[in-house]
Amino acid sequence: MKTLYFTGYRSYEIGVFQAKDPKVKVIKKVIKEAIVRYIEEGLTWILISGNLGAELWCGELMAGLKVDYPEIKFGIIFPFEGFGENWNEANQEALQTAKAFADYVDATSHQPYKDPSQLRNHTAFLLQHTDGALLLYDEEFPGKTSYFLKDAQAFSQQQPYIIEQITMDDLQNATFDGN
């Protein structure tokens, strides 16, 4: 796999309302372990859409990952122009931090949000331009990521597409060693 799309729960979907929530350390640790495994197997690009929660936590991890694995490239593909502009200051700052580490930033629609077709086109673009997806998502705990998962599963029936999920059990079983 050369290009991976990472997505998952929005922070509010898993009860994270502050950046310093202890859950975030465990989540980042598990995300980092999975991404490192892919990098060591030859991954060259990680893409996100810029959503709050799992995607921006992945973006925060990229600074350290790029030091340890300078060959890895990080891209943010927004579903529409102006994505995140109406967020509060702290959330916009998190988005700007992720953008600062990105090698590539663009949007699939170069217009502000106008209708759901932009989101469907965004998903289709990501599926066509990645080899697989890593999702911080557990079907027992539904969230917005279910829409992408459903489309990715249908896509994988037509052509090879890897879908890996980090579940709540994976997070529960993760041990945090303080590093």
C-alpha atoms as a PDB file:
ATOM      1  CA  MET A   1       0.000   0.000   0.000  1.00  0.00           C
ATOM      2  CA  LYS A   2       1.368   3.386  -1.003  1.00  0.00           C
ATOM      3  CA  THR A   3      -1.468   5.780  -0.123  1.00  0.00           C
ATOM      4  CA  LEU A   4      -3.659   5.475   2.981  1.00  0.00           C
ATOM      5  CA  TYR A   5      -6.714   7.480   3.969  1.00  0.00           C
ATOM      6  CA  PHE A   6      -7.123   7.908   7.725  1.00  0.00           C
ATOM      7  CA  THR A   7     -10.430   8.854   9.303  1.00  0.00           C
ATOM      8  CA  GLY A   8     -12.455   8.126  12.388  1.00  0.00           C
ATOM      9  CA  TYR A   9     -14.539   9.469  15.190  1.00  0.00           C
ATOM     10  CA  ARG A  10     -15.078  13.167  15.655  1.00  0.00           C
ATOM     11  CA  SER A  11     -13.933  14.172  19.141  1.00  0.00           C
ATOM     12  CA  TYR A  12     -17.462  14.789  20.431  1.00  0.00           C
ATOM     13  CA  GLU A  13     -18.581  11.306  19.271  1.00  0.00           C
ATOM     14  CA  ILE A  14     -16.250   9.694  21.814  1.00  0.00           C
ATOM     15  CA  GLY A  15     -16.720  12.231  24.584  1.00  0.00           C
ATOM     16  CA  VAL A  16     -13.497  14.193  24.097  1.00  0.00           C
ATOM     17  CA  PHE A  17     -14.095  17.894  24.630  1.00  0.00           C
ATOM     18  CA  GLN A  18     -10.590  19.064  25.607  1.00  0.00           C
ATOM     19  CA  ALA A  19      -7.221  18.534  23.951  1.00  0.00           C
ATOM     20  CA  LYS A  20      -5.740  17.406  27.280  1.00  0.00           C
ATOM     21  CA  ASP A  21      -8.279  14.590  27.772  1.00  0.00           C
ATOM     22  CA  PRO A  22      -6.274  11.465  28.794  1.00  0.00           C
ATOM     23  CA  LYS A  23      -8.149   9.415  26.176  1.00  0.00           C
ATOM     24  CA  VAL A  24      -6.359  11.374  23.450  1.00  0.00           C
ATOM     25  CA  LYS A  25      -2.922  10.023  24.510  1.00  0.00           C
ATOM     26  CA  VAL A  26      -4.110   6.425  24.227  1.00  0.00           C
ATOM     27  CA  ILE A  27      -5.874   7.091  20.921  1.00  0.00           C
ATOM     28  CA  LYS A  28      -2.772   8.763  19.454  1.00  0.00           C
ATOM     29  CA  LYS A  29      -0.566   5.905  20.640  1.00  0.00           C
ATOM     30  CA  VAL A  30      -2.749   3.321  18.889  1.00  0.00           C
ATOM     31  CA  ILE A  31      -3.031   5.433  15.709  1.00  0.00           C
ATOM     32  CA  LYS A  32       0.739   5.958  15.639  1.00  0.00           C
ATOM     33  CA  GLU A  33       1.470   2.236  16.050  1.00  0.00           C
ATOM     34  CA  ALA A  34      -0.831   1.378  13.137  1.00  0.00           C
ATOM     35  CA  ILE A  35       0.594   4.096  10.880  1.00  0.00           C
ATOM     36  CA  VAL A  36       4.200   3.165  11.698  1.00  0.00           C
ATOM     37  CA  ARG A  37       3.427  -0.427  10.712  1.00  0.00           C
ATOM     38  CA  TYR A  38       2.141   0.799   7.332  1.00  0.00           C
ATOM     39  CA  ILE A  39       5.147   3.122   6.847  1.00  0.00           C
ATOM     40  CA  GLU A  40       7.526   0.260   7.562  1.00  0.00           C
ATOM     41  CA  GLU A  41       5.661  -1.793   4.936  1.00  0.00           C
ATOM     42  CA  GLY A  42       6.232   0.915   2.293  1.00  0.00           C
ATOM     43  CA  LEU A  43       3.478   3.510   2.787  1.00  0.00           C
ATOM     44  CA  THR A  44       4.406   6.847   1.212  1.00  0.00           C
ATOM     45  CA  TRP A  45       1.274   9.032   1.695  1.00  0.00           C
ATOM     46  CA  ILE A  46      -1.254   9.524   4.488  1.00  0.00           C
ATOM     47  CA  LEU A  47      -4.355  11.548   3.640  1.00  0.00           C
ATOM     48  CA  ILE A  48      -7.001  13.032   5.936  1.00  0.00           C
ATOM     49  CA  SER A  49     -10.000  15.289   5.350  1.00  0.00           C
ATOM     50  CA  GLY A  50      -9.326  17.641   8.273  1.00  0.00           C
ATOM     51  CA  ASN A  51     -12.193  16.597  10.543  1.00  0.00           C
ATOM     52  CA  LEU A  52     -12.019  17.308  14.267  1.00  0.00           C
ATOM     53  CA  GLY A  53     -11.026  14.358  16.400  1.00  0.00           C
ATOM     54  CA  ALA A  54      -9.214  11.340  14.998  1.00  0.00           C
ATOM     55  CA  GLU A  55      -8.115  13.030  11.761  1.00  0.00           C
ATOM     56  CA  LEU A  56      -6.582  16.079  13.416  1.00  0.00           C
ATOM     57  CA  TRP A  57      -4.965  13.871  16.067  1.00  0.00           C
ATOM     58  CA  CYS A  58      -3.355  12.006  13.182  1.00  0.00           C
ATOM     59  CA  GLY A  59      -2.260  15.370  11.791  1.00  0.00           C
ATOM     60  CA  GLU A  60      -0.625  16.217  15.123  1.00  0.00           C
ATOM     61  CA  LEU A  61       1.266  12.915  15.022  1.00  0.00           C
ATOM     62  CA  MET A  62       2.749  13.745  11.630  1.00  0.00           C
ATOM     63  CA  ALA A  63       5.361  16.137  13.050  1.00  0.00           C
ATOM     64  CA  GLY A  64       7.050  13.330  14.982  1.00  0.00           C
ATOM     65  CA  LEU A  65       6.487  10.740  12.283  1.00  0.00           C
ATOM     66  CA  LYS A  66       8.160  12.953   9.676  1.00  0.00           C
ATOM     67  CA  VAL A  67      11.241  13.217  11.908  1.00  0.00           C
ATOM     68  CA  ASP A  68      11.487   9.440  12.309  1.00  0.00           C
ATOM     69  CA  TYR A  69      10.302   8.652   8.764  1.00  0.00           C
ATOM     70  CA  PRO A  70      11.284  11.594   6.522  1.00  0.00           C
ATOM     71  CA  GLU A  71      10.032   9.712   3.461  1.00  0.00           C
ATOM     72  CA  ILE A  72       6.376   9.872   4.586  1.00  0.00           C
ATOM     73  CA  LYS A  73       4.162  12.486   2.959  1.00  0.00           C
ATOM     74  CA  PHE A  74       1.034  13.936   4.548  1.00  0.00           C
ATOM     75  CA  GLY A  75      -1.911  15.430   2.688  1.00  0.00           C
ATOM     76  CA  ILE A  76      -5.167  17.081   3.653  1.00  0.00           C
ATOM     77  CA  ILE A  77      -7.973  16.891   1.102  1.00  0.00           C
ATOM     78  CA  PHE A  78     -10.954  18.924   2.286  1.00  0.00           C
ATOM     79  CA  PRO A  79     -14.417  18.117   0.927  1.00  0.00           C
ATOM     80  CA  PHE A  80     -15.058  21.771   0.066  1.00  0.00           C
ATOM     81  CA  GLU A  81     -13.422  25.190   0.124  1.00  0.00           C
ATOM     82  CA  GLY A  82     -13.508  26.993   3.474  1.00  0.00           C
ATOM     83  CA  PHE A  83     -13.751  23.781   5.495  1.00  0.00           C
ATOM     84  CA  GLY A  84     -13.487  24.552   9.232  1.00  0.00           C
ATOM     85  CA  GLU A  85     -13.801  28.325   8.858  1.00  0.00           C
ATOM     86  CA  ASN A  86     -16.799  28.414  11.212  1.00  0.00           C
ATOM     87  CA  TRP A  87     -15.064  26.432  13.981  1.00  0.00           C
ATOM     88  CA  ASN A  88     -14.087  28.036  17.275  1.00  0.00           C
ATOM     89  CA  GLU A  89     -10.588  29.476  17.655  1.00  0.00           C
ATOM     90  CA  ALA A  90      -9.061  26.418  19.373  1.00  0.00           C
ATOM     91  CA  ASN A  91     -10.357  24.048  16.682  1.00  0.00           C
ATOM     92  CA  GLN A  92      -9.196  26.344  13.887  1.00  0.00           C
ATOM     93  CA  GLU A  93      -5.775  26.427  15.526  1.00  0.00           C
ATOM     94  CA  ALA A  94      -5.647  22.600  15.540  1.00  0.00           C
ATOM     95  CA  LEU A  95      -6.541  22.609  11.845  1.00  0.00           C
ATOM     96  CA  GLN A  96      -3.812  25.181  11.095  1.00  0.00           C
ATOM     97  CA  THR A  97      -1.284  23.027  12.968  1.00  0.00           C
ATOM     98  CA  ALA A  98      -2.155  20.021  10.809  1.00  0.00           C
ATOM     99  CA  LYS A  99      -1.933  22.144   7.664  1.00  0.00           C
ATOM    100  CA  ALA A 100       1.532  23.321   8.728  1.00  0.00           C
ATOM    101  CA  PHE A 101       2.822  19.727   8.668  1.00  0.00           C
ATOM    102  CA  ALA A 102       1.085  18.857   5.406  1.00  0.00           C
ATOM    103  CA  ASP A 103       2.984  18.327   2.183  1.00  0.00           C
ATOM    104  CA  TYR A 104      -0.199  18.894   0.207  1.00  0.00           C
ATOM    105  CA  VAL A 105      -3.462  20.721   0.987  1.00  0.00           C
ATOM    106  CA  ASP A 106      -6.412  21.030  -1.392  1.00  0.00           C
ATOM    107  CA  ALA A 107     -10.175  20.492  -1.612  1.00  0.00           C
ATOM    108  CA  THR A 108     -12.158  18.247  -3.927  1.00  0.00           C
ATOM    109  CA  SER A 109     -14.697  21.051  -4.406  1.00  0.00           C
ATOM    110  CA  HIS A 110     -13.350  24.559  -4.851  1.00  0.00           C
ATOM    111  CA  GLN A 111     -16.649  26.079  -3.736  1.00  0.00           C
ATOM    112  CA  PRO A 112     -17.992  26.592  -0.211  1.00  0.00           C
ATOM    113  CA  TYR A 113     -20.390  23.943   1.076  1.00  0.00           C
ATOM    114  CA  LYS A 114     -23.637  23.934  -0.861  1.00  0.00           C
ATOM    115  CA  ASP A 115     -25.007  20.367  -0.814  1.00  0.00           C
ATOM    116  CA  PRO A 116     -24.284  16.727   0.124  1.00  0.00           C
ATOM    117  CA  SER A 117     -23.059  15.890  -3.384  1.00  0.00           C
ATOM    118  CA  GLN A 118     -19.751  17.562  -2.434  1.00  0.00           C
ATOM    119  CA  LEU A 119     -19.330  15.026   0.389  1.00  0.00           C
ATOM    120  CA  ARG A 120     -20.198  12.088  -1.897  1.00  0.00           C
ATOM    121  CA  ASN A 121     -17.729  13.355  -4.534  1.00  0.00           C
ATOM    122  CA  HIS A 122     -15.081  13.749  -1.832  1.00  0.00           C
ATOM    123  CA  THR A 123     -15.545  10.146  -0.685  1.00  0.00           C
ATOM    124  CA  ALA A 124     -15.401   8.880  -4.281  1.00  0.00           C
ATOM    125  CA  PHE A 125     -12.188  10.849  -4.872  1.00  0.00           C
ATOM    126  CA  LEU A 126     -10.554   9.419  -1.729  1.00  0.00           C
ATOM    127  CA  LEU A 127     -11.512   5.857  -2.611  1.00  0.00           C
ATOM    128  CA  GLN A 128     -10.163   6.231  -6.149  1.00  0.00           C
ATOM    129  CA  HIS A 129      -6.885   7.832  -5.044  1.00  0.00           C
ATOM    130  CA  THR A 130      -5.937   5.643  -2.076  1.00  0.00           C
ATOM    131  CA  ASP A 131      -5.051   1.980  -1.714  1.00  0.00           C
ATOM    132  CA  GLY A 132      -6.834   1.553   1.585  1.00  0.00           C
ATOM    133  CA  ALA A 133      -8.230   3.175   4.683  1.00  0.00           C
ATOM    134  CA  LEU A 134      -7.442   3.045   8.374  1.00  0.00           C
ATOM    135  CA  LEU A 135     -10.448   3.961  10.477  1.00  0.00           C
ATOM    136  CA  LEU A 136     -10.671   4.689  14.171  1.00  0.00           C
ATOM    137  CA  TYR A 137     -14.176   3.291  14.193  1.00  0.00           C
ATOM    138  CA  ASP A 138     -16.195   0.546  15.828  1.00  0.00           C
ATOM    139  CA  GLU A 139     -19.522  -0.420  14.289  1.00  0.00           C
ATOM    140  CA  GLU A 140     -20.895  -1.136  17.783  1.00  0.00           C
ATOM    141  CA  PHE A 141     -20.565   2.607  18.497  1.00  0.00           C
ATOM    142  CA  PRO A 142     -22.017   4.375  15.432  1.00  0.00           C
ATOM    143  CA  GLY A 143     -20.743   7.729  14.242  1.00  0.00           C
ATOM    144  CA  LYS A 144     -20.332   9.777  11.079  1.00  0.00           C
ATOM    145  CA  THR A 145     -17.505   7.517   9.881  1.00  0.00           C
ATOM    146  CA  SER A 146     -20.151   4.870   9.142  1.00  0.00           C
ATOM    147  CA  TYR A 147     -20.926   6.680   5.866  1.00  0.00           C
ATOM    148  CA  PHE A 148     -17.346   6.389   4.634  1.00  0.00           C
ATOM    149  CA  LEU A 149     -17.068   2.776   5.856  1.00  0.00           C
ATOM    150  CA  LYS A 150     -20.217   1.748   3.975  1.00  0.00           C
ATOM    151  CA  ASP A 151     -18.931   3.334   0.761  1.00  0.00           C
ATOM    152  CA  ALA A 152     -15.445   1.835   1.240  1.00  0.00           C
ATOM    153  CA  GLN A 153     -16.900  -1.636   1.784  1.00  0.00           C
ATOM    154  CA  ALA A 154     -18.961  -1.333  -1.400  1.00  0.00           C
ATOM    155  CA  PHE A 155     -15.899  -0.044  -3.281  1.00  0.00           C
ATOM    156  CA  SER A 156     -13.793  -2.962  -2.009  1.00  0.00           C
ATOM    157  CA  GLN A 157     -16.296  -5.380  -3.565  1.00  0.00           C
ATOM    158  CA  GLN A 158     -15.410  -3.961  -6.985  1.00  0.00           C
ATOM    159  CA  GLN A 159     -11.633  -3.711  -6.661  1.00  0.00           C
ATOM    160  CA  PRO A 160      -8.866  -4.367  -4.140  1.00  0.00           C
ATOM    161  CA  TYR A 161      -9.135  -1.902  -1.269  1.00  0.00           C
ATOM    162  CA  ILE A 162      -7.798  -2.521   2.237  1.00  0.00           C
ATOM    163  CA  ILE A 163      -9.973  -1.453   5.161  1.00  0.00           C
ATOM    164  CA  GLU A 164      -8.540  -1.687   8.666  1.00  0.00           C
ATOM    165  CA  GLN A 165     -10.437  -0.581  11.732  1.00  0.00           C
ATOM    166  CA  ILE A 166      -9.145   0.421  15.140  1.00  0.00           C
ATOM    167  CA  THR A 167     -11.998  -0.605  17.433  1.00  0.00           C
ATOM    168  CA  MET A 168     -12.963   0.269  20.986  1.00  0.00           C
ATOM    169  CA  ASP A 169     -11.504  -3.105  22.044  1.00  0.00           C
ATOM    170  CA  ASP A 170      -8.179  -2.083  20.473  1.00  0.00           C
ATOM    171  CA  LEU A 171      -8.232   1.144  22.481  1.00  0.00           C
ATOM    172  CA  GLN A 172      -9.226  -0.674  25.688  1.00  0.00           C
ATOM    173  CA  ASN A 173      -6.423  -3.199  25.202  1.00  0.00           C
ATOM    174  CA  ALA A 174      -3.801  -0.527  24.520  1.00  0.00           C
ATOM    175  CA  THR A 175      -1.452   0.037  27.384  1.00  0.00           C
ATOM    176  CA  PHE A 176      -0.037   3.482  27.814  1.00  0.00           C
ATOM    177  CA  ASP A 177       3.562   3.394  28.972  1.00  0.00           C
ATOM    178  CA  GLY A 178       3.959   7.156  29.408  1.00  0.00           C
ATOM    179  CA  ASN A 179       5.932   7.730  26.184  1.00  0.00           C
END
